[in-house]
Amino acid sequence: MSNLPTRLRVALTVLLALATLVCPAELSMRFSDGLDPIRKRDFLQVATRNGPITFYEGGHGPTGFEYELMRRFARSLDVSLAVKNDASINGVLEDVRSGQADMGAAALALDLGQPGIRYSQPILELQPLVVYRRGLPPVRTLDDLVGLRIGVIAGSGNAGALRSQQESLPELGWREADGLTIADLMEMVERDDLDAAVVYSHQFKLNRLFFPDVERGFALGNPLSLAWAFAADTPLDLLDATNAFLEEQRRSGELDELIARYFGHDDYLEYVGARLFIHHVGSRLPRFVPYFKEAARETGFDWRLLAALGYQESHWEADATSPTGVRGLMMLTRPTADEVGIDDRLDPRQSVDGGARYLAHVKQRLAADIPEPDRTWMALAAYNVGLGHLFDAQEIARLRGGDPKRWADVRESLPLLQKREWYSQVRHGYARGGEPVIYVRNIRRYYEILKYVNHSQQQFNQLGERDLDSDDLAPFEVVAPIL
């Protein structure tokens, strides 16, 4: 620098001095430009859609694979999460482009040709899958699709998968519709409005239990990547923060755990069989019977009904814990435990007491003129899906000309909460309404078995007056019909 002309040397010295004064703040401001507006307003605005992969109201509040992941991301930014629920994929993308949302998370397939959009790193593999109506000739190859009425959601990667196949099979045709959910699409296949549809394999897995007449066909093309969408002019630091968060979730194993929890199996609500249940009656139930009887005396429920509920929730495992934070024998959320005054959800006595009192609270909020046992079955359904959705199912039963006070009519209406035609008419929107139907069915089965054993075996005659030992239960095999 000593060889430079004096005037230039002085100018450079001044510039370096100014840089020393302003660079740290300047660099910090540049780095935080994209995050500052989010932190100042104290929430991350996300555009999404109702659906089992993305976001829906569960029995214990909002849930869904992407909802859980974006909630974690918002927490990593030390802000809350605000969700804008759009009707269509195109609506989500438009909200992102226009700046009405910071990002879009709606089972979006990474599409580098999407104008005005950039994407996060891939989150999950999405395999397009052809499904078709039971009773049709098997659909196993692309050629089998020719001449069929095929449906797909507009704007989805599945629509793109079909378009790519049309290059080699020009006679392939299909219908695209905006604003449909996967449940809508599968319902259309089941009721013969469509012959087949293309959905993601995860979506089929989550919905197949509720559409038994929809069959798995074949994988269509190569897997796609689920990713989050951002406006093309989004500051890079927000995208960098997103990718760093996703990479940490992947590195720590938390993303794999979340994927396994939501998509690892599709039969978790199925009845596990009388033999296994009876085995657990002998090996697990005796320890907890005094707690169930104590809670029954306090709430007026049959202790065997409470035991059946506990088995459905945790298989009578006192330390059962869900990654969502639901814990204990009766699988209580933290807010529910606080509401009923429980401070240790893993304490089985507290858990049974809290679960029984919460069930009683739910039952008390139902209309007083609902007769028994319908009132109890509805309370159990609400324990699972939430009171709001139960009220919505009652309203749907009324709209369909049924009786909202009869469990049989409400039971028929609950699965309709998965169908846009119906959930759009009620207050709380989409729910996986088939689940509480199976949930209540299972509890009733367990309850009937316990009552049968109670009434059929001499060793059970005094259950109401004394505690059980494991020896009381272990030898018995139930052969009662399972209704």
Protein backbone atom coordinates (compact mmCIF):
# COMPACT_ATOMS: atom_id res chain seq x y z
CA MET A 1 0.00 0.00 0.00
CA SER A 2 3.03 2.27 0.56
CA ASN A 3 3.69 2.27 -3.20
CA LEU A 4 0.24 3.76 -3.97
CA PRO A 5 -0.20 7.47 -4.66
CA THR A 6 -0.83 9.49 -1.50
CA ARG A 7 -4.38 10.53 -2.40
CA LEU A 8 -5.40 6.94 -3.25
CA ARG A 9 -3.74 5.67 -0.08
CA VAL A 10 -5.71 8.15 2.03
CA ALA A 11 -8.98 7.26 0.28
CA LEU A 12 -8.44 3.55 0.88
CA THR A 13 -7.61 4.19 4.52
CA VAL A 14 -10.86 6.11 5.00
CA LEU A 15 -12.88 3.40 3.25
CA LEU A 16 -11.34 0.68 5.41
CA ALA A 17 -12.07 2.67 8.53
CA LEU A 18 -15.72 3.14 7.48
CA ALA A 19 -15.96 -0.54 6.65
CA THR A 20 -14.72 -1.40 10.13
CA LEU A 21 -17.49 0.74 11.57
CA VAL A 22 -20.40 -0.39 9.39
CA CYS A 23 -19.68 -3.88 8.11
CA PRO A 24 -20.78 -5.96 11.12
CA ALA A 25 -24.18 -4.28 11.28
CA GLU A 26 -24.45 -4.16 7.50
CA LEU A 27 -23.67 -7.86 7.17
CA SER A 28 -26.08 -8.74 9.98
CA MET A 29 -28.82 -6.69 8.33
CA ARG A 30 -28.21 -8.37 5.00
CA PHE A 31 -28.25 -11.81 6.57
CA SER A 32 -31.46 -11.16 8.45
CA ASP A 33 -33.33 -9.23 5.74
CA GLY A 34 -35.59 -12.18 4.85
CA LEU A 35 -36.18 -13.24 8.44
CA ASP A 36 -36.65 -9.81 10.04
CA PRO A 37 -40.22 -9.26 8.78
CA ILE A 38 -41.21 -12.72 10.04
CA ARG A 39 -39.63 -12.13 13.44
CA LYS A 40 -41.09 -8.64 13.76
CA ARG A 41 -44.62 -9.87 13.11
CA ASP A 42 -43.82 -12.93 15.27
CA PHE A 43 -45.33 -15.57 13.00
CA LEU A 44 -44.54 -17.58 9.88
CA GLN A 45 -47.37 -17.44 7.35
CA VAL A 46 -47.78 -20.74 5.49
CA ALA A 47 -50.25 -21.52 2.71
CA THR A 48 -51.46 -25.11 2.78
CA ARG A 49 -54.44 -27.36 2.01
CA ASN A 50 -56.65 -29.67 4.02
CA GLY A 51 -55.53 -33.26 3.77
CA PRO A 52 -54.00 -36.13 5.74
CA ILE A 53 -50.47 -35.45 4.47
CA THR A 54 -50.66 -31.69 4.89
CA PHE A 55 -52.94 -30.23 7.56
CA TYR A 56 -56.25 -31.02 9.24
CA GLU A 57 -57.96 -30.68 12.60
CA GLY A 58 -57.42 -33.83 14.65
CA GLY A 59 -58.94 -34.85 17.94
CA HIS A 60 -56.28 -32.95 19.86
CA GLY A 61 -55.92 -29.94 17.56
CA PRO A 62 -54.21 -29.30 14.20
CA THR A 63 -52.15 -32.16 12.85
CA GLY A 64 -50.72 -33.61 9.64
CA PHE A 65 -47.22 -34.52 8.44
CA GLU A 66 -46.38 -31.17 6.88
CA TYR A 67 -48.15 -29.23 9.64
CA GLU A 68 -45.96 -30.91 12.24
CA LEU A 69 -42.83 -30.19 10.21
CA MET A 70 -43.67 -26.53 9.55
CA ARG A 71 -44.58 -26.09 13.23
CA ARG A 72 -41.10 -27.30 14.11
CA PHE A 73 -39.60 -24.91 11.55
CA ALA A 74 -41.51 -21.95 12.99
CA ARG A 75 -40.27 -22.92 16.44
CA SER A 76 -36.69 -23.01 15.13
CA LEU A 77 -37.19 -19.38 14.05
CA ASP A 78 -38.64 -18.57 17.49
CA VAL A 79 -41.97 -17.48 16.00
CA SER A 80 -45.48 -18.90 15.96
CA LEU A 81 -47.14 -20.55 12.97
CA ALA A 82 -50.07 -19.10 11.01
CA VAL A 83 -51.80 -21.34 8.48
CA LYS A 84 -53.80 -20.17 5.47
CA ASN A 85 -55.96 -23.02 4.23
CA ASP A 86 -56.40 -22.81 0.45
CA ALA A 87 -58.85 -24.71 -1.72
CA SER A 88 -56.37 -25.75 -4.40
CA ILE A 89 -52.71 -26.30 -5.17
CA ASN A 90 -52.80 -23.41 -7.62
CA GLY A 91 -54.24 -21.22 -4.87
CA VAL A 92 -51.34 -22.14 -2.59
CA LEU A 93 -48.78 -21.29 -5.27
CA GLU A 94 -50.50 -17.98 -6.05
CA ASP A 95 -50.43 -17.00 -2.38
CA VAL A 96 -46.69 -17.68 -2.38
CA ARG A 97 -46.05 -15.73 -5.58
CA SER A 98 -48.09 -12.72 -4.41
CA GLY A 99 -46.41 -12.57 -1.01
CA GLN A 100 -49.56 -13.45 0.93
CA ALA A 101 -47.65 -16.39 2.38
CA ASP A 102 -43.99 -16.77 3.29
CA MET A 103 -44.04 -20.31 1.96
CA GLY A 104 -46.31 -23.05 0.64
CA ALA A 105 -46.59 -26.55 2.10
CA ALA A 106 -49.34 -28.60 0.45
CA ALA A 107 -47.95 -31.94 -0.78
CA LEU A 108 -46.24 -29.97 -3.54
CA ALA A 109 -44.04 -31.82 -5.98
CA LEU A 110 -40.77 -30.07 -6.78
CA ASP A 111 -41.30 -28.59 -10.24
CA LEU A 112 -38.43 -26.49 -11.59
CA GLY A 113 -40.65 -25.33 -14.45
CA GLN A 114 -43.17 -23.67 -12.14
CA PRO A 115 -43.02 -19.91 -12.94
CA GLY A 116 -42.25 -17.51 -10.10
CA ILE A 117 -41.49 -20.33 -7.62
CA ARG A 118 -38.35 -21.73 -6.08
CA TYR A 119 -38.25 -24.77 -3.82
CA SER A 120 -36.59 -26.05 -0.70
CA GLN A 121 -34.49 -29.17 -0.74
CA PRO A 122 -36.54 -32.39 -1.13
CA ILE A 123 -38.35 -33.52 2.03
CA LEU A 124 -40.06 -36.75 1.09
CA GLU A 125 -40.27 -39.03 -1.91
CA LEU A 126 -43.67 -39.03 -3.65
CA GLN A 127 -44.53 -42.00 -5.83
CA PRO A 128 -47.44 -41.47 -8.24
CA LEU A 129 -49.75 -44.46 -7.99
CA VAL A 130 -52.64 -45.58 -10.19
CA VAL A 131 -55.68 -46.74 -8.20
CA TYR A 132 -58.88 -48.15 -9.65
CA ARG A 133 -62.34 -49.34 -8.67
CA ARG A 134 -62.71 -52.87 -7.36
CA GLY A 135 -64.55 -55.06 -9.86
CA LEU A 136 -62.82 -53.69 -12.93
CA PRO A 137 -60.28 -55.85 -14.79
CA PRO A 138 -56.90 -55.50 -13.02
CA VAL A 139 -55.03 -52.33 -13.89
CA ARG A 140 -51.37 -53.32 -13.96
CA THR A 141 -49.81 -51.49 -16.92
CA LEU A 142 -50.05 -48.20 -18.73
CA ASP A 143 -51.96 -49.85 -21.58
CA ASP A 144 -54.68 -50.91 -19.12
CA LEU A 145 -55.51 -47.22 -18.60
CA VAL A 146 -56.58 -46.59 -22.20
CA GLY A 147 -60.31 -46.04 -22.37
CA LEU A 148 -60.75 -45.63 -18.61
CA ARG A 149 -62.17 -42.51 -16.94
CA ILE A 150 -59.12 -41.30 -15.03
CA GLY A 151 -59.06 -38.40 -12.58
CA VAL A 152 -56.23 -36.36 -11.14
CA ILE A 153 -55.88 -33.17 -9.09
CA ALA A 154 -54.91 -30.20 -11.22
CA GLY A 155 -51.55 -28.67 -10.44
CA SER A 156 -50.25 -31.78 -8.71
CA GLY A 157 -47.19 -33.77 -9.64
CA ASN A 158 -49.54 -36.62 -10.48
CA ALA A 159 -50.94 -34.58 -13.37
CA GLY A 160 -47.38 -34.07 -14.60
CA ALA A 161 -46.71 -37.80 -14.28
CA LEU A 162 -49.63 -38.52 -16.60
CA ARG A 163 -48.49 -35.93 -19.09
CA SER A 164 -45.03 -37.47 -19.26
CA GLN A 165 -46.58 -40.88 -20.02
CA GLN A 166 -48.73 -39.45 -22.80
CA GLU A 167 -45.62 -38.99 -24.92
CA SER A 168 -45.31 -42.75 -25.31
CA LEU A 169 -49.08 -43.44 -25.23
CA PRO A 170 -50.88 -40.61 -27.08
CA GLU A 171 -54.31 -42.22 -26.66
CA LEU A 172 -54.04 -41.87 -22.87
CA GLY A 173 -56.57 -39.35 -21.57
CA TRP A 174 -57.71 -38.10 -18.19
CA ARG A 175 -59.64 -35.39 -16.36
CA GLU A 176 -58.06 -32.75 -14.12
CA ALA A 177 -59.99 -30.93 -11.41
CA ASP A 178 -58.94 -28.07 -9.17
CA GLY A 179 -59.95 -27.86 -5.54
CA LEU A 180 -60.40 -31.60 -4.93
CA THR A 181 -58.85 -33.51 -2.07
CA ILE A 182 -57.48 -37.03 -2.35
CA ALA A 183 -60.51 -38.26 -0.40
CA ASP A 184 -62.77 -36.58 -2.98
CA LEU A 185 -60.90 -38.31 -5.77
CA MET A 186 -61.01 -41.75 -4.17
CA GLU A 187 -64.69 -41.33 -3.40
CA MET A 188 -65.35 -40.57 -7.08
CA VAL A 189 -63.60 -43.81 -8.01
CA GLU A 190 -65.55 -45.78 -5.44
CA ARG A 191 -68.94 -44.44 -6.49
CA ASP A 192 -68.26 -45.01 -10.22
CA ASP A 193 -67.85 -41.38 -11.27
CA LEU A 194 -64.31 -42.37 -12.27
CA ASP A 195 -62.72 -45.70 -13.11
CA ALA A 196 -59.27 -44.80 -11.87
CA ALA A 197 -57.18 -41.99 -10.41
CA VAL A 198 -53.54 -41.11 -9.85
CA VAL A 199 -52.59 -40.27 -6.28
CA TYR A 200 -49.39 -40.44 -4.27
CA SER A 201 -48.75 -43.79 -2.61
CA HIS A 202 -48.65 -42.12 0.83
CA GLN A 203 -52.06 -40.61 0.23
CA PHE A 204 -53.51 -43.95 -0.80
CA LYS A 205 -52.04 -45.60 2.28
CA LEU A 206 -53.64 -43.05 4.58
CA ASN A 207 -57.06 -43.25 2.89
CA ARG A 208 -57.44 -46.87 1.78
CA LEU A 209 -59.07 -47.95 5.03
CA PHE A 210 -62.00 -45.66 4.28
CA PHE A 211 -62.41 -46.59 0.62
CA PRO A 212 -62.32 -50.39 0.55
CA ASP A 213 -63.58 -50.55 -3.05
CA VAL A 214 -60.53 -48.68 -4.36
CA GLU A 215 -57.69 -51.00 -5.37
CA ARG A 216 -53.97 -50.38 -5.72
CA GLY A 217 -52.88 -50.51 -9.35
CA PHE A 218 -49.27 -49.76 -10.28
CA ALA A 219 -46.58 -47.13 -9.75
CA LEU A 220 -46.68 -44.52 -12.52
CA GLY A 221 -43.29 -43.27 -13.61
CA ASN A 222 -40.43 -42.24 -11.37
CA PRO A 223 -40.81 -40.90 -7.82
CA LEU A 224 -41.17 -37.15 -7.35
CA SER A 225 -39.96 -35.01 -4.46
CA LEU A 226 -42.16 -33.24 -1.95
CA ALA A 227 -40.76 -29.78 -1.23
CA TRP A 228 -41.81 -26.41 0.19
CA ALA A 229 -42.44 -23.54 -2.21
CA PHE A 230 -41.17 -19.95 -1.99
CA ALA A 231 -41.56 -16.92 -4.21
CA ALA A 232 -38.74 -16.58 -6.72
CA ASP A 233 -37.75 -13.24 -5.16
CA THR A 234 -37.70 -14.62 -1.58
CA PRO A 235 -34.51 -13.51 0.19
CA LEU A 236 -31.99 -16.32 0.15
CA ASP A 237 -31.58 -16.31 3.93
CA LEU A 238 -35.15 -17.59 4.44
CA LEU A 239 -34.52 -20.39 1.96
CA ASP A 240 -31.14 -21.08 3.56
CA ALA A 241 -32.74 -21.23 7.02
CA THR A 242 -35.36 -23.66 5.67
CA ASN A 243 -32.79 -25.95 4.10
CA ALA A 244 -30.60 -25.84 7.19
CA PHE A 245 -33.62 -26.81 9.32
CA LEU A 246 -34.58 -29.68 7.00
CA GLU A 247 -31.00 -30.92 6.91
CA GLU A 248 -30.86 -30.92 10.71
CA GLN A 249 -34.17 -32.78 10.90
CA ARG A 250 -32.77 -35.37 8.54
CA ARG A 251 -29.39 -35.61 10.27
CA SER A 252 -30.92 -36.03 13.73
CA GLY A 253 -33.31 -38.74 12.58
CA GLU A 254 -36.37 -36.68 13.55
CA LEU A 255 -37.57 -36.45 9.96
CA ASP A 256 -37.41 -40.23 9.54
CA GLU A 257 -39.33 -40.66 12.80
CA LEU A 258 -42.01 -38.25 11.59
CA ILE A 259 -42.28 -40.07 8.25
CA ALA A 260 -42.57 -43.42 10.02
CA ARG A 261 -45.25 -42.10 12.38
CA TYR A 262 -47.49 -40.78 9.62
CA PHE A 263 -46.76 -43.25 6.82
CA GLY A 264 -45.16 -46.28 8.40
CA HIS A 265 -48.30 -48.40 8.44
CA ASP A 266 -51.96 -48.12 7.49
CA ASP A 267 -53.63 -50.66 9.72
CA TYR A 268 -52.95 -49.22 13.17
CA LEU A 269 -56.65 -48.79 13.85
CA GLU A 270 -57.53 -52.34 12.87
CA TYR A 271 -58.72 -54.71 15.57
CA VAL A 272 -55.72 -56.70 16.79
CA GLY A 273 -57.59 -59.89 17.59
CA ALA A 274 -59.19 -61.45 20.62
CA ARG A 275 -56.23 -63.72 21.39
CA LEU A 276 -53.74 -60.87 21.74
CA PHE A 277 -56.24 -58.82 23.70
CA ILE A 278 -56.82 -61.67 26.16
CA HIS A 279 -53.08 -62.15 26.49
CA HIS A 280 -52.83 -58.50 27.53
CA VAL A 281 -55.80 -58.91 29.85
CA GLY A 282 -53.72 -61.45 31.75
CA SER A 283 -50.31 -59.83 31.51
CA ARG A 284 -51.01 -56.09 31.69
CA LEU A 285 -54.50 -55.29 32.95
CA PRO A 286 -54.29 -56.59 36.55
CA ARG A 287 -51.86 -53.85 37.60
CA PHE A 288 -54.27 -51.14 36.48
CA VAL A 289 -57.66 -52.54 37.51
CA PRO A 290 -57.71 -50.68 40.86
CA TYR A 291 -57.16 -47.39 39.02
CA PHE A 292 -59.93 -48.11 36.51
CA LYS A 293 -62.34 -49.05 39.32
CA GLU A 294 -61.43 -45.94 41.31
CA ALA A 295 -61.97 -43.70 38.26
CA ALA A 296 -65.25 -45.50 37.52
CA ARG A 297 -66.55 -44.75 41.01
CA GLU A 298 -65.68 -41.07 40.54
CA THR A 299 -67.18 -40.67 37.07
CA GLY A 300 -69.98 -43.22 36.89
CA PHE A 301 -68.55 -45.16 33.94
CA ASP A 302 -68.23 -48.93 33.91
CA TRP A 303 -64.60 -49.67 34.82
CA ARG A 304 -64.45 -52.17 31.95
CA LEU A 305 -65.38 -49.44 29.46
CA LEU A 306 -62.56 -47.27 30.80
CA ALA A 307 -60.21 -50.26 30.56
CA ALA A 308 -61.29 -50.84 26.95
CA LEU A 309 -60.62 -47.17 26.19
CA GLY A 310 -57.20 -47.44 27.79
CA TYR A 311 -56.38 -50.49 25.72
CA GLN A 312 -57.37 -48.77 22.50
CA GLU A 313 -55.21 -45.77 23.42
CA SER A 314 -52.03 -47.46 24.67
CA HIS A 315 -52.51 -51.24 24.86
CA TRP A 316 -52.22 -50.66 28.62
CA GLU A 317 -48.66 -49.38 28.46
CA ALA A 318 -48.18 -46.80 31.21
CA ASP A 319 -45.17 -45.17 29.54
CA ALA A 320 -46.65 -44.99 26.04
CA THR A 321 -45.44 -41.84 24.32
CA SER A 322 -46.25 -40.42 20.90
CA PRO A 323 -43.83 -38.13 19.02
CA THR A 324 -46.65 -35.55 19.01
CA GLY A 325 -46.46 -35.33 22.80
CA VAL A 326 -49.47 -37.52 23.66
CA ARG A 327 -48.46 -39.68 26.62
CA GLY A 328 -49.46 -42.26 29.17
CA LEU A 329 -51.99 -45.03 29.61
CA MET A 330 -54.86 -42.87 28.35
CA MET A 331 -52.65 -40.93 25.90
CA LEU A 332 -53.41 -37.43 27.13
CA THR A 333 -52.06 -34.26 25.53
CA ARG A 334 -50.36 -31.73 27.77
CA PRO A 335 -53.24 -29.23 27.45
CA THR A 336 -55.80 -31.93 28.29
CA ALA A 337 -53.75 -33.02 31.29
CA ASP A 338 -53.58 -29.40 32.48
CA GLU A 339 -57.33 -29.05 31.96
CA VAL A 340 -58.10 -32.03 34.22
CA GLY A 341 -55.36 -31.24 36.73
CA ILE A 342 -52.87 -34.01 35.91
CA ASP A 343 -49.19 -33.20 36.47
CA ASP A 344 -47.62 -36.57 35.58
CA ARG A 345 -49.13 -38.22 32.52
CA LEU A 346 -46.86 -41.26 32.88
CA ASP A 347 -48.27 -42.02 36.32
CA PRO A 348 -50.93 -44.65 35.45
CA ARG A 349 -53.24 -43.71 38.29
CA GLN A 350 -53.21 -40.06 37.28
CA SER A 351 -53.56 -40.94 33.60
CA VAL A 352 -56.62 -43.15 34.17
CA ASP A 353 -58.17 -40.54 36.45
CA GLY A 354 -57.50 -37.77 33.93
CA GLY A 355 -58.75 -39.78 30.96
CA ALA A 356 -61.95 -40.76 32.76
CA ARG A 357 -62.66 -37.20 33.86
CA TYR A 358 -61.95 -35.86 30.39
CA LEU A 359 -64.34 -38.43 28.87
CA ALA A 360 -66.95 -37.40 31.44
CA HIS A 361 -66.39 -33.74 30.54
CA VAL A 362 -66.84 -34.50 26.83
CA LYS A 363 -69.97 -36.51 27.51
CA GLN A 364 -71.42 -33.71 29.65
CA ARG A 365 -71.08 -31.29 26.73
CA LEU A 366 -73.27 -33.42 24.50
CA ALA A 367 -76.97 -32.61 24.25
CA ALA A 368 -78.80 -33.86 27.33
CA ASP A 369 -81.52 -35.59 25.30
CA ILE A 370 -79.17 -38.04 23.56
CA PRO A 371 -80.12 -41.45 24.98
CA GLU A 372 -77.76 -44.16 26.18
CA PRO A 373 -75.81 -45.98 24.95
CA ASP A 374 -75.60 -43.60 21.95
CA ARG A 375 -74.43 -40.83 24.25
CA THR A 376 -71.46 -42.89 25.43
CA TRP A 377 -70.46 -43.95 21.90
CA MET A 378 -70.56 -40.31 20.77
CA ALA A 379 -68.45 -39.25 23.76
CA LEU A 380 -65.85 -41.87 22.83
CA ALA A 381 -65.84 -40.65 19.23
CA ALA A 382 -65.32 -37.08 20.44
CA TYR A 383 -62.48 -38.26 22.73
CA ASN A 384 -60.77 -39.38 19.53
CA VAL A 385 -61.70 -36.83 16.85
CA GLY A 386 -62.66 -33.80 18.95
CA LEU A 387 -66.02 -32.37 19.97
CA GLY A 388 -66.11 -29.91 17.10
CA HIS A 389 -65.93 -32.64 14.49
CA LEU A 390 -68.48 -34.74 16.39
CA PHE A 391 -70.88 -31.79 16.33
CA ASP A 392 -70.21 -31.43 12.60
CA ALA A 393 -71.06 -35.11 12.05
CA GLN A 394 -74.31 -34.61 13.94
CA GLU A 395 -75.10 -31.68 11.66
CA ILE A 396 -74.34 -33.79 8.58
CA ALA A 397 -76.62 -36.52 9.95
CA ARG A 398 -79.37 -33.90 10.23
CA LEU A 399 -78.71 -32.60 6.70
CA ARG A 400 -78.99 -36.14 5.37
CA GLY A 401 -82.35 -36.63 7.04
CA GLY A 402 -80.97 -38.73 9.89
CA ASP A 403 -81.20 -38.33 13.64
CA PRO A 404 -78.22 -36.50 15.20
CA LYS A 405 -79.08 -38.16 18.53
CA ARG A 406 -78.59 -41.69 17.17
CA TRP A 407 -75.08 -43.09 17.06
CA ALA A 408 -75.96 -45.20 14.01
CA ASP A 409 -76.72 -42.05 11.99
CA VAL A 410 -73.74 -40.09 13.34
CA ARG A 411 -71.50 -43.09 12.68
CA GLU A 412 -72.58 -43.03 9.03
CA SER A 413 -71.89 -39.30 8.84
CA LEU A 414 -68.43 -39.17 10.42
CA PRO A 415 -66.57 -40.54 7.35
CA LEU A 416 -68.21 -37.83 5.26
CA LEU A 417 -65.97 -35.32 7.04
CA GLN A 418 -63.29 -36.53 4.61
CA LYS A 419 -65.37 -35.44 1.62
CA ARG A 420 -65.42 -31.85 0.45
CA GLU A 421 -69.09 -32.05 -0.50
CA TRP A 422 -69.88 -32.39 3.21
CA TYR A 423 -67.05 -30.89 5.25
CA SER A 424 -67.41 -27.63 3.32
CA GLN A 425 -70.91 -27.29 4.80
CA VAL A 426 -69.87 -27.55 8.46
CA ARG A 427 -67.86 -25.43 10.84
CA HIS A 428 -64.67 -27.35 11.59
CA GLY A 429 -63.81 -28.61 8.10
CA TYR A 430 -61.91 -31.71 7.08
CA ALA A 431 -61.32 -34.58 9.48
CA ARG A 432 -60.31 -38.20 9.08
CA GLY A 433 -63.80 -39.11 10.13
CA GLY A 434 -63.47 -42.82 9.43
CA GLU A 435 -61.01 -43.16 12.30
CA PRO A 436 -63.41 -42.47 15.20
CA VAL A 437 -65.84 -45.00 13.71
CA ILE A 438 -63.18 -47.72 13.89
CA TYR A 439 -61.99 -46.37 17.24
CA VAL A 440 -65.44 -46.73 18.84
CA ARG A 441 -65.96 -50.11 17.18
CA ASN A 442 -62.71 -51.41 18.69
CA ILE A 443 -63.52 -50.11 22.17
CA ARG A 444 -66.95 -51.71 22.02
CA ARG A 445 -65.35 -55.03 21.07
CA TYR A 446 -62.86 -54.87 23.92
CA TYR A 447 -65.64 -53.86 26.30
CA GLU A 448 -67.87 -56.75 25.19
CA ILE A 449 -65.02 -59.23 25.68
CA LEU A 450 -64.36 -57.92 29.19
CA LYS A 451 -68.05 -58.13 30.02
CA TYR A 452 -68.25 -61.63 28.58
CA VAL A 453 -65.30 -62.81 30.62
CA ASN A 454 -66.74 -61.10 33.68
CA HIS A 455 -70.09 -62.85 33.32
CA SER A 456 -68.86 -66.22 32.07
CA GLN A 457 -65.97 -67.08 34.35
CA GLN A 458 -66.47 -67.80 38.01
CA GLN A 459 -63.12 -66.28 38.87
CA PHE A 460 -64.43 -62.89 37.73
CA ASN A 461 -67.54 -62.83 39.87
CA GLN A 462 -65.97 -60.63 42.52
CA LEU A 463 -64.15 -58.18 40.27
CA GLY A 464 -66.22 -55.31 41.57
CA GLU A 465 -65.22 -56.02 45.16
CA ARG A 466 -61.56 -57.07 45.02
CA ASP A 467 -58.32 -56.44 43.16
CA LEU A 468 -57.15 -58.73 40.38
CA ASP A 469 -54.01 -60.83 40.36
CA SER A 470 -52.47 -61.88 37.07
CA ASP A 471 -53.28 -65.49 37.96
CA ASP A 472 -56.97 -64.58 37.87
CA LEU A 473 -56.83 -63.79 34.17
CA ALA A 474 -54.02 -65.63 32.50
CA PRO A 475 -55.65 -69.06 31.93
CA PHE A 476 -58.75 -67.90 30.10
CA GLU A 477 -59.37 -68.10 26.37
CA VAL A 478 -62.30 -66.15 24.90
CA VAL A 479 -64.44 -67.79 22.25
CA ALA A 480 -67.24 -65.21 22.34
CA PRO A 481 -68.37 -63.83 18.98
CA ILE A 482 -66.75 -60.49 18.11
CA LEU A 483 -69.52 -58.15 17.03
